[in-house]
N, C-alpha and C. Protein backbone atom coordinates (compact mmCIF):
# COMPACT_ATOMS: atom_id res chain seq x y z
N UNK A 1 10.00 -48.96 -180.06
CA UNK A 1 9.79 -48.97 -178.62
C UNK A 1 10.77 -47.97 -178.00
N UNK A 2 10.25 -47.00 -177.23
CA UNK A 2 11.12 -46.00 -176.64
C UNK A 2 11.55 -46.42 -175.23
N UNK A 3 12.69 -45.90 -174.81
CA UNK A 3 13.25 -46.24 -173.51
C UNK A 3 12.32 -45.81 -172.38
N UNK A 4 12.13 -46.68 -171.42
CA UNK A 4 11.32 -46.37 -170.24
C UNK A 4 12.08 -45.39 -169.36
N UNK A 5 11.41 -44.34 -168.95
CA UNK A 5 11.96 -43.40 -167.99
C UNK A 5 11.72 -43.98 -166.59
N UNK A 6 12.67 -43.76 -165.68
CA UNK A 6 12.56 -44.31 -164.34
C UNK A 6 12.70 -43.19 -163.32
N UNK A 7 11.81 -43.22 -162.33
CA UNK A 7 11.88 -42.30 -161.20
C UNK A 7 12.04 -43.14 -159.94
N UNK A 8 13.09 -42.87 -159.18
CA UNK A 8 13.29 -43.51 -157.88
C UNK A 8 12.77 -42.54 -156.83
N UNK A 9 11.81 -42.97 -156.02
CA UNK A 9 11.19 -42.09 -155.02
C UNK A 9 11.27 -42.76 -153.66
N UNK A 10 11.79 -42.03 -152.68
CA UNK A 10 12.01 -42.65 -151.37
C UNK A 10 11.90 -41.64 -150.24
N UNK A 11 11.96 -42.18 -149.04
CA UNK A 11 12.14 -41.37 -147.84
C UNK A 11 13.62 -40.98 -147.78
N UNK A 12 13.89 -39.70 -147.57
CA UNK A 12 15.26 -39.23 -147.41
C UNK A 12 16.11 -39.45 -148.65
N UNK A 13 17.36 -39.84 -148.42
CA UNK A 13 18.34 -39.94 -149.50
C UNK A 13 18.48 -41.35 -150.06
N UNK A 14 17.61 -42.26 -149.68
CA UNK A 14 17.71 -43.64 -150.15
C UNK A 14 17.75 -43.71 -151.68
N UNK A 15 16.86 -42.98 -152.35
CA UNK A 15 16.81 -43.02 -153.82
C UNK A 15 18.11 -42.51 -154.43
N UNK A 16 18.65 -41.42 -153.91
CA UNK A 16 19.88 -40.89 -154.49
C UNK A 16 21.05 -41.83 -154.21
N UNK A 17 21.05 -42.50 -153.07
CA UNK A 17 22.09 -43.49 -152.79
C UNK A 17 22.01 -44.67 -153.73
N UNK A 18 20.80 -45.10 -154.04
CA UNK A 18 20.63 -46.19 -155.00
C UNK A 18 21.10 -45.77 -156.38
N UNK A 19 20.79 -44.55 -156.79
CA UNK A 19 21.26 -44.07 -158.10
C UNK A 19 22.79 -44.07 -158.14
N UNK A 20 23.40 -43.61 -157.06
CA UNK A 20 24.86 -43.58 -157.00
C UNK A 20 25.43 -45.00 -157.14
N UNK A 21 24.83 -45.97 -156.45
CA UNK A 21 25.29 -47.36 -156.54
C UNK A 21 25.09 -47.91 -157.96
N UNK A 22 23.94 -47.64 -158.54
CA UNK A 22 23.64 -48.09 -159.90
C UNK A 22 24.68 -47.54 -160.88
N UNK A 23 24.99 -46.26 -160.76
CA UNK A 23 25.91 -45.65 -161.71
C UNK A 23 27.35 -46.09 -161.48
N UNK A 24 27.69 -46.57 -160.28
CA UNK A 24 29.00 -47.18 -160.06
C UNK A 24 29.10 -48.48 -160.86
N UNK A 25 27.99 -49.19 -160.96
CA UNK A 25 27.96 -50.49 -161.63
C UNK A 25 27.75 -50.35 -163.14
N UNK A 26 26.79 -49.50 -163.54
CA UNK A 26 26.37 -49.43 -164.93
C UNK A 26 26.82 -48.17 -165.67
N UNK A 27 27.42 -47.24 -164.97
CA UNK A 27 27.76 -45.96 -165.59
C UNK A 27 26.58 -45.01 -165.52
N UNK A 28 26.80 -43.79 -165.98
CA UNK A 28 25.76 -42.77 -165.93
C UNK A 28 24.52 -43.22 -166.71
N UNK A 29 23.36 -42.93 -166.15
CA UNK A 29 22.10 -43.39 -166.74
C UNK A 29 21.25 -42.21 -167.21
N UNK A 30 20.76 -42.31 -168.43
CA UNK A 30 19.81 -41.33 -168.96
C UNK A 30 18.42 -41.65 -168.44
N UNK A 31 17.59 -40.65 -168.37
CA UNK A 31 16.17 -40.80 -168.02
C UNK A 31 15.99 -41.54 -166.70
N UNK A 32 16.82 -41.16 -165.71
CA UNK A 32 16.73 -41.70 -164.36
C UNK A 32 16.69 -40.52 -163.41
N UNK A 33 15.55 -40.33 -162.75
CA UNK A 33 15.38 -39.22 -161.82
C UNK A 33 15.22 -39.76 -160.41
N UNK A 34 15.58 -38.94 -159.44
CA UNK A 34 15.39 -39.33 -158.03
C UNK A 34 14.64 -38.24 -157.29
N UNK A 35 13.80 -38.68 -156.38
CA UNK A 35 13.06 -37.76 -155.52
C UNK A 35 13.12 -38.29 -154.09
N UNK A 36 13.42 -37.40 -153.15
CA UNK A 36 13.43 -37.78 -151.75
C UNK A 36 12.37 -37.01 -150.99
N UNK A 37 11.74 -37.68 -150.05
CA UNK A 37 10.76 -37.07 -149.14
C UNK A 37 11.50 -36.64 -147.89
N UNK A 38 11.32 -35.40 -147.50
CA UNK A 38 12.02 -34.85 -146.34
C UNK A 38 11.03 -34.23 -145.36
N UNK A 39 11.47 -34.02 -144.11
CA UNK A 39 10.57 -33.39 -143.13
C UNK A 39 9.97 -32.11 -143.69
N UNK A 40 8.69 -31.94 -143.49
CA UNK A 40 7.98 -30.78 -144.02
C UNK A 40 7.26 -31.07 -145.33
N UNK A 41 7.69 -32.11 -146.05
CA UNK A 41 6.98 -32.51 -147.27
C UNK A 41 5.66 -33.16 -146.88
N UNK A 42 4.67 -32.96 -147.71
CA UNK A 42 3.36 -33.59 -147.51
C UNK A 42 3.09 -34.52 -148.69
N UNK A 43 2.04 -35.30 -148.58
CA UNK A 43 1.63 -36.15 -149.70
C UNK A 43 1.40 -35.29 -150.93
N UNK A 44 0.71 -34.17 -150.76
CA UNK A 44 0.40 -33.30 -151.89
C UNK A 44 1.66 -32.68 -152.50
N UNK A 45 2.57 -32.22 -151.65
CA UNK A 45 3.78 -31.58 -152.20
C UNK A 45 4.68 -32.62 -152.89
N UNK A 46 4.71 -33.85 -152.36
CA UNK A 46 5.51 -34.88 -153.00
C UNK A 46 4.87 -35.30 -154.33
N UNK A 47 3.55 -35.41 -154.35
CA UNK A 47 2.86 -35.69 -155.61
C UNK A 47 3.18 -34.61 -156.65
N UNK A 48 3.21 -33.36 -156.23
CA UNK A 48 3.52 -32.26 -157.17
C UNK A 48 4.92 -32.41 -157.75
N UNK A 49 5.88 -32.89 -156.94
CA UNK A 49 7.23 -33.13 -157.46
C UNK A 49 7.19 -34.19 -158.56
N UNK A 50 6.44 -35.25 -158.33
CA UNK A 50 6.32 -36.31 -159.33
C UNK A 50 5.61 -35.78 -160.57
N UNK A 51 4.51 -35.05 -160.36
CA UNK A 51 3.74 -34.51 -161.47
C UNK A 51 4.57 -33.58 -162.35
N UNK A 52 5.43 -32.76 -161.73
CA UNK A 52 6.30 -31.86 -162.51
C UNK A 52 7.23 -32.67 -163.43
N UNK A 53 7.79 -33.75 -162.89
CA UNK A 53 8.64 -34.60 -163.72
C UNK A 53 7.84 -35.21 -164.87
N UNK A 54 6.67 -35.74 -164.56
CA UNK A 54 5.87 -36.42 -165.57
C UNK A 54 5.38 -35.47 -166.66
N UNK A 55 5.08 -34.24 -166.30
CA UNK A 55 4.63 -33.25 -167.29
C UNK A 55 5.72 -32.92 -168.29
N UNK A 56 6.98 -33.15 -167.92
CA UNK A 56 8.10 -32.89 -168.81
C UNK A 56 8.45 -34.06 -169.72
N UNK A 57 7.69 -35.14 -169.63
CA UNK A 57 7.95 -36.34 -170.43
C UNK A 57 6.82 -36.50 -171.43
N UNK A 58 7.16 -36.69 -172.71
CA UNK A 58 6.14 -36.79 -173.77
C UNK A 58 5.18 -37.95 -173.56
N UNK A 59 5.67 -39.06 -173.05
CA UNK A 59 4.82 -40.25 -172.87
C UNK A 59 4.86 -40.67 -171.41
N UNK A 60 4.05 -40.05 -170.55
CA UNK A 60 4.09 -40.40 -169.12
C UNK A 60 3.70 -41.85 -168.85
N UNK A 61 2.99 -42.49 -169.77
CA UNK A 61 2.66 -43.91 -169.60
C UNK A 61 3.90 -44.79 -169.81
N UNK A 62 4.99 -44.16 -170.24
CA UNK A 62 6.25 -44.86 -170.45
C UNK A 62 7.23 -44.57 -169.30
N UNK A 63 6.66 -44.30 -168.12
CA UNK A 63 7.45 -44.00 -166.93
C UNK A 63 7.16 -45.04 -165.86
N UNK A 64 8.23 -45.54 -165.25
CA UNK A 64 8.13 -46.48 -164.15
C UNK A 64 8.64 -45.79 -162.90
N UNK A 65 7.78 -45.67 -161.89
CA UNK A 65 8.17 -45.08 -160.61
C UNK A 65 8.45 -46.22 -159.63
N UNK A 66 9.65 -46.24 -159.08
CA UNK A 66 10.04 -47.23 -158.10
C UNK A 66 10.10 -46.55 -156.73
N UNK A 67 9.40 -47.11 -155.76
CA UNK A 67 9.36 -46.51 -154.43
C UNK A 67 9.93 -47.47 -153.39
N UNK A 68 10.26 -46.91 -152.24
CA UNK A 68 10.91 -47.70 -151.21
C UNK A 68 9.96 -48.54 -150.37
N UNK A 69 8.79 -48.04 -150.07
CA UNK A 69 7.94 -48.68 -149.06
C UNK A 69 6.46 -48.60 -149.45
N UNK A 70 5.85 -49.75 -149.55
CA UNK A 70 4.41 -49.78 -149.85
C UNK A 70 3.65 -49.06 -148.74
N UNK A 71 2.72 -48.22 -149.15
CA UNK A 71 1.86 -47.43 -148.27
C UNK A 71 2.55 -46.23 -147.65
N UNK A 72 3.84 -46.01 -147.92
CA UNK A 72 4.51 -44.79 -147.48
C UNK A 72 4.12 -43.63 -148.37
N UNK A 73 4.47 -42.43 -147.96
CA UNK A 73 4.12 -41.24 -148.73
C UNK A 73 4.63 -41.27 -150.17
N UNK A 74 5.90 -41.66 -150.43
CA UNK A 74 6.32 -41.72 -151.83
C UNK A 74 5.46 -42.68 -152.66
N UNK A 75 5.12 -43.83 -152.09
CA UNK A 75 4.26 -44.79 -152.78
C UNK A 75 2.88 -44.20 -153.02
N UNK A 76 2.29 -43.61 -151.99
CA UNK A 76 0.94 -43.04 -152.13
C UNK A 76 0.91 -41.93 -153.18
N UNK A 77 1.96 -41.10 -153.20
CA UNK A 77 2.03 -40.04 -154.22
C UNK A 77 2.20 -40.65 -155.61
N UNK A 78 3.00 -41.71 -155.70
CA UNK A 78 3.19 -42.38 -157.00
C UNK A 78 1.88 -42.99 -157.50
N UNK A 79 1.10 -43.56 -156.60
CA UNK A 79 -0.19 -44.14 -156.99
C UNK A 79 -1.13 -43.04 -157.49
N UNK A 80 -1.07 -41.87 -156.88
CA UNK A 80 -1.86 -40.74 -157.39
C UNK A 80 -1.42 -40.41 -158.82
N UNK A 81 -0.12 -40.47 -159.08
CA UNK A 81 0.40 -40.20 -160.42
C UNK A 81 -0.02 -41.28 -161.41
N UNK A 82 -0.04 -42.53 -160.96
CA UNK A 82 -0.51 -43.63 -161.82
C UNK A 82 -1.94 -43.34 -162.27
N UNK A 83 -2.78 -42.92 -161.35
CA UNK A 83 -4.20 -42.66 -161.66
C UNK A 83 -4.38 -41.43 -162.54
N UNK A 84 -3.47 -40.47 -162.45
CA UNK A 84 -3.57 -39.23 -163.23
C UNK A 84 -2.89 -39.33 -164.58
N UNK A 85 -1.69 -39.92 -164.62
CA UNK A 85 -0.85 -39.88 -165.82
C UNK A 85 -0.75 -41.21 -166.56
N UNK A 86 -1.12 -42.33 -165.90
CA UNK A 86 -1.03 -43.62 -166.56
C UNK A 86 0.33 -44.27 -166.50
N UNK A 87 1.22 -43.75 -165.63
CA UNK A 87 2.52 -44.39 -165.45
C UNK A 87 2.34 -45.67 -164.64
N UNK A 88 3.44 -46.31 -164.27
CA UNK A 88 3.40 -47.58 -163.54
C UNK A 88 4.25 -47.41 -162.28
N UNK A 89 3.87 -48.08 -161.20
CA UNK A 89 4.60 -48.00 -159.94
C UNK A 89 4.90 -49.39 -159.39
N UNK A 90 6.11 -49.56 -158.85
CA UNK A 90 6.50 -50.77 -158.12
C UNK A 90 7.10 -50.30 -156.80
N UNK A 91 6.68 -50.91 -155.70
CA UNK A 91 7.27 -50.55 -154.40
C UNK A 91 8.24 -51.64 -153.95
N UNK A 92 9.07 -51.29 -152.97
CA UNK A 92 10.04 -52.24 -152.45
C UNK A 92 11.34 -52.24 -153.24
N UNK A 93 11.69 -51.11 -153.84
CA UNK A 93 12.88 -51.09 -154.70
C UNK A 93 14.13 -51.48 -153.92
N UNK A 94 14.98 -52.21 -154.62
CA UNK A 94 16.31 -52.55 -154.12
C UNK A 94 17.26 -52.55 -155.31
N UNK A 95 18.52 -52.72 -155.05
CA UNK A 95 19.51 -52.61 -156.12
C UNK A 95 19.32 -53.65 -157.22
N UNK A 96 19.09 -54.95 -156.90
CA UNK A 96 18.87 -55.91 -157.99
C UNK A 96 17.66 -55.55 -158.87
N UNK A 97 16.60 -55.06 -158.25
CA UNK A 97 15.40 -54.68 -159.01
C UNK A 97 15.72 -53.53 -159.96
N UNK A 98 16.41 -52.50 -159.47
CA UNK A 98 16.73 -51.34 -160.30
C UNK A 98 17.68 -51.72 -161.42
N UNK A 99 18.69 -52.52 -161.12
CA UNK A 99 19.62 -52.96 -162.17
C UNK A 99 18.89 -53.71 -163.28
N UNK A 100 17.93 -54.53 -162.89
CA UNK A 100 17.14 -55.27 -163.89
C UNK A 100 16.35 -54.30 -164.77
N UNK A 101 15.67 -53.35 -164.14
CA UNK A 101 14.88 -52.38 -164.91
C UNK A 101 15.77 -51.64 -165.90
N UNK A 102 16.89 -51.13 -165.42
CA UNK A 102 17.75 -50.30 -166.28
C UNK A 102 18.42 -51.09 -167.39
N UNK A 103 18.62 -52.39 -167.18
CA UNK A 103 19.27 -53.19 -168.22
C UNK A 103 18.29 -53.73 -169.25
N UNK A 104 16.99 -53.63 -168.99
CA UNK A 104 16.00 -54.15 -169.94
C UNK A 104 15.05 -53.08 -170.49
N UNK A 105 15.15 -51.87 -169.99
CA UNK A 105 14.13 -50.86 -170.30
C UNK A 105 14.10 -50.38 -171.74
N UNK A 106 15.14 -50.61 -172.50
CA UNK A 106 15.10 -50.14 -173.90
C UNK A 106 14.80 -51.26 -174.88
N UNK A 107 14.53 -52.46 -174.38
CA UNK A 107 14.27 -53.58 -175.28
C UNK A 107 13.03 -54.39 -174.93
N UNK A 108 12.34 -54.03 -173.86
CA UNK A 108 11.18 -54.80 -173.40
C UNK A 108 9.97 -53.90 -173.20
N UNK A 109 8.80 -54.52 -173.18
CA UNK A 109 7.56 -53.81 -172.89
C UNK A 109 7.45 -53.61 -171.38
N UNK A 110 6.66 -52.60 -170.99
CA UNK A 110 6.54 -52.25 -169.58
C UNK A 110 6.14 -53.45 -168.72
N UNK A 111 5.15 -54.22 -169.15
CA UNK A 111 4.70 -55.34 -168.31
C UNK A 111 5.81 -56.38 -168.13
N UNK A 112 6.63 -56.59 -169.15
CA UNK A 112 7.75 -57.53 -169.06
C UNK A 112 8.83 -56.98 -168.12
N UNK A 113 9.09 -55.68 -168.22
CA UNK A 113 10.08 -55.04 -167.35
C UNK A 113 9.67 -55.19 -165.89
N UNK A 114 8.41 -54.90 -165.61
CA UNK A 114 7.92 -54.96 -164.23
C UNK A 114 7.98 -56.38 -163.69
N UNK A 115 7.51 -57.34 -164.46
CA UNK A 115 7.52 -58.74 -164.01
C UNK A 115 8.93 -59.22 -163.71
N UNK A 116 9.86 -58.94 -164.61
CA UNK A 116 11.25 -59.36 -164.42
C UNK A 116 11.88 -58.65 -163.24
N UNK A 117 11.63 -57.36 -163.10
CA UNK A 117 12.23 -56.58 -162.02
C UNK A 117 11.76 -57.07 -160.65
N UNK A 118 10.47 -57.32 -160.52
CA UNK A 118 9.94 -57.80 -159.24
C UNK A 118 10.55 -59.16 -158.90
N UNK A 119 10.64 -60.03 -159.88
CA UNK A 119 11.24 -61.35 -159.66
C UNK A 119 12.70 -61.22 -159.23
N UNK A 120 13.48 -60.40 -159.94
CA UNK A 120 14.89 -60.22 -159.60
C UNK A 120 15.07 -59.50 -158.27
N UNK A 121 14.18 -58.59 -157.95
CA UNK A 121 14.23 -57.92 -156.66
C UNK A 121 14.03 -58.90 -155.52
N UNK A 122 13.09 -59.81 -155.68
CA UNK A 122 12.84 -60.84 -154.66
C UNK A 122 14.02 -61.80 -154.56
N UNK A 123 14.52 -62.23 -155.72
CA UNK A 123 15.64 -63.18 -155.73
C UNK A 123 16.92 -62.58 -155.18
N UNK A 124 17.02 -61.26 -155.20
CA UNK A 124 18.20 -60.59 -154.69
C UNK A 124 18.27 -60.56 -153.17
N UNK A 125 17.18 -60.96 -152.53
CA UNK A 125 17.16 -60.99 -151.06
C UNK A 125 17.49 -62.40 -150.61
N UNK A 126 18.56 -62.54 -149.86
CA UNK A 126 18.95 -63.86 -149.36
C UNK A 126 19.65 -63.70 -148.02
N UNK A 127 19.91 -64.80 -147.37
CA UNK A 127 20.61 -64.76 -146.09
C UNK A 127 21.65 -65.87 -146.04
N UNK A 128 22.64 -65.69 -145.21
CA UNK A 128 23.75 -66.64 -145.15
C UNK A 128 23.30 -68.01 -144.64
N UNK A 129 22.29 -68.04 -143.76
CA UNK A 129 21.83 -69.34 -143.26
C UNK A 129 21.21 -70.18 -144.36
N UNK A 130 20.37 -69.56 -145.17
CA UNK A 130 19.75 -70.30 -146.27
C UNK A 130 20.76 -70.72 -147.32
N UNK A 131 21.85 -70.00 -147.43
CA UNK A 131 22.90 -70.35 -148.38
C UNK A 131 23.86 -71.39 -147.79
N UNK A 132 23.64 -71.72 -146.52
CA UNK A 132 24.50 -72.71 -145.87
C UNK A 132 25.86 -72.17 -145.49
N UNK A 133 25.96 -70.87 -145.35
CA UNK A 133 27.24 -70.26 -144.98
C UNK A 133 27.21 -69.99 -143.49
N UNK A 134 28.04 -70.74 -142.77
CA UNK A 134 28.15 -70.59 -141.32
C UNK A 134 29.61 -70.68 -140.92
N UNK A 135 29.89 -70.37 -139.71
CA UNK A 135 31.28 -70.45 -139.19
C UNK A 135 31.72 -71.88 -139.10
């Protein structure tokens, strides 16, 4: 089983900020790319950025694209890549989700990685009221 490649795709610098946070916690990561959407980028040009990355990977079906916002341009471009290259996409990325993916990607199958990551991403969202933390 080969290591899953991960692409973080977001509006602006969100993806690169998440990579920086991940590497503070886990150290430098192999096979982790980031793409940001900036003013002037289009759906087509952002898809081309993703496609260029995928064309450089021997097994594009072994790539997980994590995006920031469902139905946003990075997500829509990633879905185009899923349909073309056979990779996998999850939207709503956050730090717990990414940490889960990166800590399991060399020992689990893609469907297991995705299921665990989505669960951990959801569980990573909490609030002080629900935790009973008040003044």
